[in-house]
PDB file of N, CA and C in Angstrom:
ATOM      1  N   UNK A   1     102.234  79.860  92.475  1.00  0.00           N
ATOM      2  CA  UNK A   1     101.131  79.749  93.394  1.00  0.00           C
ATOM      3  C   UNK A   1     100.977  81.085  94.116  1.00  0.00           C
ATOM      4  N   UNK A   2      99.776  81.478  94.328  1.00  0.00           N
ATOM      5  CA  UNK A   2      99.503  82.727  95.031  1.00  0.00           C
ATOM      6  C   UNK A   2      99.032  82.439  96.449  1.00  0.00           C
ATOM      7  N   UNK A   3      99.505  83.254  97.368  1.00  0.00           N
ATOM      8  CA  UNK A   3      99.148  83.126  98.775  1.00  0.00           C
ATOM      9  C   UNK A   3      98.827  84.499  99.339  1.00  0.00           C
ATOM     10  N   UNK A   4      98.163  84.499 100.467  1.00  0.00           N
ATOM     11  CA  UNK A   4      97.936  85.723 101.225  1.00  0.00           C
ATOM     12  C   UNK A   4      98.666  85.573 102.547  1.00  0.00           C
ATOM     13  N   UNK A   5      99.514  86.562 102.852  1.00  0.00           N
ATOM     14  CA  UNK A   5     100.228  86.563 104.122  1.00  0.00           C
ATOM     15  C   UNK A   5      99.850  87.828 104.884  1.00  0.00           C
ATOM     16  N   UNK A   6      99.968  87.761 106.191  1.00  0.00           N
ATOM     17  CA  UNK A   6      99.613  88.894 107.038  1.00  0.00           C
ATOM     18  C   UNK A   6     100.878  89.524 107.603  1.00  0.00           C
ATOM     19  N   UNK A   7     100.978  90.837 107.416  1.00  0.00           N
ATOM     20  CA  UNK A   7     102.083  91.616 107.970  1.00  0.00           C
ATOM     21  C   UNK A   7     101.466  92.797 108.695  1.00  0.00           C
ATOM     22  N   UNK A   8     101.789  92.936 109.979  1.00  0.00           N
ATOM     23  CA  UNK A   8     101.229  94.008 110.816  1.00  0.00           C
ATOM     24  C   UNK A   8      99.701  94.041 110.709  1.00  0.00           C
ATOM     25  N   UNK A   9      99.070  92.887 110.779  1.00  0.00           N
ATOM     26  CA  UNK A   9      97.608  92.728 110.776  1.00  0.00           C
ATOM     27  C   UNK A   9      96.938  93.131 109.463  1.00  0.00           C
ATOM     28  N   UNK A  10      97.693  93.177 108.368  1.00  0.00           N
ATOM     29  CA  UNK A  10      97.119  93.489 107.064  1.00  0.00           C
ATOM     30  C   UNK A  10      97.488  92.386 106.084  1.00  0.00           C
ATOM     31  N   UNK A  11      96.541  91.963 105.236  1.00  0.00           N
ATOM     32  CA  UNK A  11      96.825  90.892 104.272  1.00  0.00           C
ATOM     33  C   UNK A  11      97.533  91.425 103.026  1.00  0.00           C
ATOM     34  N   UNK A  12      98.464  90.630 102.499  1.00  0.00           N
ATOM     35  CA  UNK A  12      99.178  90.973 101.271  1.00  0.00           C
ATOM     36  C   UNK A  12      99.243  89.741 100.385  1.00  0.00           C
ATOM     37  N   UNK A  13      99.073  89.953  99.086  1.00  0.00           N
ATOM     38  CA  UNK A  13      99.142  88.868  98.110  1.00  0.00           C
ATOM     39  C   UNK A  13     100.595  88.677  97.675  1.00  0.00           C
ATOM     40  N   UNK A  14     101.042  87.426  97.668  1.00  0.00           N
ATOM     41  CA  UNK A  14     102.386  87.100  97.198  1.00  0.00           C
ATOM     42  C   UNK A  14     102.293  85.960  96.192  1.00  0.00           C
ATOM     43  N   UNK A  15     103.303  85.892  95.339  1.00  0.00           N
ATOM     44  CA  UNK A  15     103.417  84.788  94.379  1.00  0.00           C
ATOM     45  C   UNK A  15     104.672  83.997  94.706  1.00  0.00           C
ATOM     46  N   UNK A  16     104.543  82.675  94.690  1.00  0.00           N
ATOM     47  CA  UNK A  16     105.654  81.788  95.043  1.00  0.00           C
ATOM     48  C   UNK A  16     105.974  80.906  93.841  1.00  0.00           C
ATOM     49  N   UNK A  17     107.266  80.879  93.475  1.00  0.00           N
ATOM     50  CA  UNK A  17     107.721  80.085  92.344  1.00  0.00           C
ATOM     51  C   UNK A  17     108.874  79.197  92.775  1.00  0.00           C
ATOM     52  N   UNK A  18     108.923  77.997  92.223  1.00  0.00           N
ATOM     53  CA  UNK A  18     110.065  77.123  92.461  1.00  0.00           C
ATOM     54  C   UNK A  18     110.973  77.218  91.242  1.00  0.00           C
ATOM     55  N   UNK A  19     112.148  77.831  91.429  1.00  0.00           N
ATOM     56  CA  UNK A  19     113.092  78.029  90.330  1.00  0.00           C
ATOM     57  C   UNK A  19     113.891  76.764  90.047  1.00  0.00           C
ATOM     58  N   UNK A  20     114.295  76.072  91.106  1.00  0.00           N
ATOM     59  CA  UNK A  20     114.998  74.798  90.965  1.00  0.00           C
ATOM     60  C   UNK A  20     114.648  73.946  92.183  1.00  0.00           C
ATOM     61  N   UNK A  21     115.296  72.824  92.315  1.00  0.00           N
ATOM     62  CA  UNK A  21     114.955  71.898  93.399  1.00  0.00           C
ATOM     63  C   UNK A  21     115.044  72.551  94.775  1.00  0.00           C
ATOM     64  N   UNK A  22     116.041  73.425  94.966  1.00  0.00           N
ATOM     65  CA  UNK A  22     116.224  74.021  96.295  1.00  0.00           C
ATOM     66  C   UNK A  22     116.209  75.549  96.278  1.00  0.00           C
ATOM     67  N   UNK A  23     115.585  76.143  95.252  1.00  0.00           N
ATOM     68  CA  UNK A  23     115.472  77.599  95.200  1.00  0.00           C
ATOM     69  C   UNK A  23     114.021  77.983  94.954  1.00  0.00           C
ATOM     70  N   UNK A  24     113.466  78.699  95.921  1.00  0.00           N
ATOM     71  CA  UNK A  24     112.104  79.207  95.832  1.00  0.00           C
ATOM     72  C   UNK A  24     112.163  80.728  95.805  1.00  0.00           C
ATOM     73  N   UNK A  25     111.318  81.342  94.994  1.00  0.00           N
ATOM     74  CA  UNK A  25     111.272  82.794  94.875  1.00  0.00           C
ATOM     75  C   UNK A  25     109.880  83.269  95.261  1.00  0.00           C
ATOM     76  N   UNK A  26     109.844  84.310  96.085  1.00  0.00           N
ATOM     77  CA  UNK A  26     108.580  84.915  96.495  1.00  0.00           C
ATOM     78  C   UNK A  26     108.609  86.383  96.072  1.00  0.00           C
ATOM     79  N   UNK A  27     107.530  86.804  95.404  1.00  0.00           N
ATOM     80  CA  UNK A  27     107.418  88.180  94.937  1.00  0.00           C
ATOM     81  C   UNK A  27     106.077  88.730  95.400  1.00  0.00           C
ATOM     82  N   UNK A  28     106.108  89.971  95.889  1.00  0.00           N
ATOM     83  CA  UNK A  28     104.869  90.613  96.298  1.00  0.00           C
ATOM     84  C   UNK A  28     105.086  92.089  96.547  1.00  0.00           C
ATOM     85  N   UNK A  29     103.995  92.839  96.535  1.00  0.00           N
ATOM     86  CA  UNK A  29     104.055  94.271  96.813  1.00  0.00           C
ATOM     87  C   UNK A  29     103.672  94.529  98.254  1.00  0.00           C
ATOM     88  N   UNK A  30     104.474  95.351  98.900  1.00  0.00           N
ATOM     89  CA  UNK A  30     104.194  95.766 100.271  1.00  0.00           C
ATOM     90  C   UNK A  30     104.161  97.291 100.299  1.00  0.00           C
ATOM     91  N   UNK A  31     102.985  97.854 100.524  1.00  0.00           N
ATOM     92  CA  UNK A  31     102.814  99.306 100.586  1.00  0.00           C
ATOM     93  C   UNK A  31     103.427  99.995  99.361  1.00  0.00           C
ATOM     94  N   UNK A  32     103.184  99.422  98.180  1.00  0.00           N
ATOM     95  CA  UNK A  32     103.663 100.014  96.941  1.00  0.00           C
ATOM     96  C   UNK A  32     105.100  99.680  96.583  1.00  0.00           C
ATOM     97  N   UNK A  33     105.790  98.911  97.399  1.00  0.00           N
ATOM     98  CA  UNK A  33     107.164  98.522  97.125  1.00  0.00           C
ATOM     99  C   UNK A  33     107.208  97.040  96.776  1.00  0.00           C
ATOM    100  N   UNK A  34     107.893  96.730  95.687  1.00  0.00           N
ATOM    101  CA  UNK A  34     108.029  95.326  95.278  1.00  0.00           C
ATOM    102  C   UNK A  34     109.132  94.673  96.112  1.00  0.00           C
ATOM    103  N   UNK A  35     108.816  93.529  96.685  1.00  0.00           N
ATOM    104  CA  UNK A  35     109.795  92.766  97.453  1.00  0.00           C
ATOM    105  C   UNK A  35     109.937  91.399  96.795  1.00  0.00           C
ATOM    106  N   UNK A  36     111.186  91.003  96.542  1.00  0.00           N
ATOM    107  CA  UNK A  36     111.479  89.689  95.973  1.00  0.00           C
ATOM    108  C   UNK A  36     112.561  89.034  96.818  1.00  0.00           C
ATOM    109  N   UNK A  37     112.303  87.842  97.290  1.00  0.00           N
ATOM    110  CA  UNK A  37     113.276  87.116  98.111  1.00  0.00           C
ATOM    111  C   UNK A  37     113.402  85.682  97.606  1.00  0.00           C
ATOM    112  N   UNK A  38     114.512  85.061  97.969  1.00  0.00           N
ATOM    113  CA  UNK A  38     114.762  83.661  97.632  1.00  0.00           C
ATOM    114  C   UNK A  38     114.917  82.866  98.915  1.00  0.00           C
ATOM    115  N   UNK A  39     114.596  81.592  98.841  1.00  0.00           N
ATOM    116  CA  UNK A  39     114.765  80.709  99.989  1.00  0.00           C
ATOM    117  C   UNK A  39     115.030  79.294  99.539  1.00  0.00           C
ATOM    118  N   UNK A  40     115.496  78.483 100.488  1.00  0.00           N
ATOM    119  CA  UNK A  40     115.812  77.086 100.176  1.00  0.00           C
ATOM    120  C   UNK A  40     114.578  76.193 100.207  1.00  0.00           C
ATOM    121  N   UNK A  41     113.499  76.668 100.814  1.00  0.00           N
ATOM    122  CA  UNK A  41     112.239  75.931 100.825  1.00  0.00           C
ATOM    123  C   UNK A  41     111.109  76.938 100.654  1.00  0.00           C
ATOM    124  N   UNK A  42     109.949  76.435 100.340  1.00  0.00           N
ATOM    125  CA  UNK A  42     108.799  77.318 100.162  1.00  0.00           C
ATOM    126  C   UNK A  42     108.483  78.077 101.442  1.00  0.00           C
ATOM    127  N   UNK A  43     108.429  77.370 102.554  1.00  0.00           N
ATOM    128  CA  UNK A  43     108.075  78.022 103.814  1.00  0.00           C
ATOM    129  C   UNK A  43     109.145  79.012 104.259  1.00  0.00           C
ATOM    130  N   UNK A  44     110.412  78.692 104.021  1.00  0.00           N
ATOM    131  CA  UNK A  44     111.488  79.602 104.396  1.00  0.00           C
ATOM    132  C   UNK A  44     111.447  80.864 103.538  1.00  0.00           C
ATOM    133  N   UNK A  45     111.148  80.731 102.261  1.00  0.00           N
ATOM    134  CA  UNK A  45     111.064  81.890 101.373  1.00  0.00           C
ATOM    135  C   UNK A  45     109.900  82.798 101.771  1.00  0.00           C
ATOM    136  N   UNK A  46     108.764  82.214 102.122  1.00  0.00           N
ATOM    137  CA  UNK A  46     107.610  83.007 102.557  1.00  0.00           C
ATOM    138  C   UNK A  46     107.942  83.732 103.852  1.00  0.00           C
ATOM    139  N   UNK A  47     108.587  83.050 104.781  1.00  0.00           N
ATOM    140  CA  UNK A  47     108.977  83.685 106.043  1.00  0.00           C
ATOM    141  C   UNK A  47     109.963  84.825 105.798  1.00  0.00           C
ATOM    142  N   UNK A  48     110.872  84.660 104.849  1.00  0.00           N
ATOM    143  CA  UNK A  48     111.823  85.718 104.519  1.00  0.00           C
ATOM    144  C   UNK A  48     111.118  86.922 103.913  1.00  0.00           C
ATOM    145  N   UNK A  49     110.124  86.679 103.072  1.00  0.00           N
ATOM    146  CA  UNK A  49     109.364  87.797 102.495  1.00  0.00           C
ATOM    147  C   UNK A  49     108.641  88.571 103.597  1.00  0.00           C
ATOM    148  N   UNK A  50     107.997  87.843 104.499  1.00  0.00           N
ATOM    149  CA  UNK A  50     107.282  88.479 105.606  1.00  0.00           C
ATOM    150  C   UNK A  50     108.233  89.318 106.460  1.00  0.00           C
ATOM    151  N   UNK A  51     109.412  88.788 106.731  1.00  0.00           N
ATOM    152  CA  UNK A  51     110.409  89.515 107.523  1.00  0.00           C
ATOM    153  C   UNK A  51     110.894  90.766 106.789  1.00  0.00           C
ATOM    154  N   UNK A  52     111.115  90.654 105.478  1.00  0.00           N
ATOM    155  CA  UNK A  52     111.540  91.818 104.687  1.00  0.00           C
ATOM    156  C   UNK A  52     110.459  92.901 104.693  1.00  0.00           C
ATOM    157  N   UNK A  53     109.204  92.495 104.618  1.00  0.00           N
ATOM    158  CA  UNK A  53     108.107  93.464 104.662  1.00  0.00           C
ATOM    159  C   UNK A  53     108.030  94.125 106.037  1.00  0.00           C
ATOM    160  N   UNK A  54     108.195  93.357 107.085  1.00  0.00           N
ATOM    161  CA  UNK A  54     108.192  93.939 108.445  1.00  0.00           C
ATOM    162  C   UNK A  54     109.321  94.956 108.606  1.00  0.00           C
ATOM    163  N   UNK A  55     110.479  94.625 108.064  1.00  0.00           N
ATOM    164  CA  UNK A  55     111.632  95.518 108.152  1.00  0.00           C
ATOM    165  C   UNK A  55     111.345  96.848 107.449  1.00  0.00           C
ATOM    166  N   UNK A  56     110.746  96.772 106.267  1.00  0.00           N
ATOM    167  CA  UNK A  56     110.406  98.001 105.531  1.00  0.00           C
ATOM    168  C   UNK A  56     109.279  98.764 106.196  1.00  0.00           C
ATOM    169  N   UNK A  57     108.464  98.077 106.972  1.00  0.00           N
ATOM    170  CA  UNK A  57     107.342  98.713 107.635  1.00  0.00           C
ATOM    171  C   UNK A  57     107.717  99.484 108.880  1.00  0.00           C
ATOM    172  N   UNK A  58     108.944  99.323 109.345  1.00  0.00           N
ATOM    173  CA  UNK A  58     109.391 100.042 110.553  1.00  0.00           C
ATOM    174  C   UNK A  58     109.875 101.429 110.226  1.00  0.00           C
TER     175      UNK A  58
END
């Protein structure tokens, strides 16, 4: 599934995949850098991706 998330007031496209019952993977490009994170739920994985992008943006 594809989503748009906002980081520092800019929209970014991410893709969310469910690998297993409790593993979600989010992949997206942030300012030319590929970020891939895993989470135990869809919302947690998306939040982790957003946090990773914010960290790289500092």
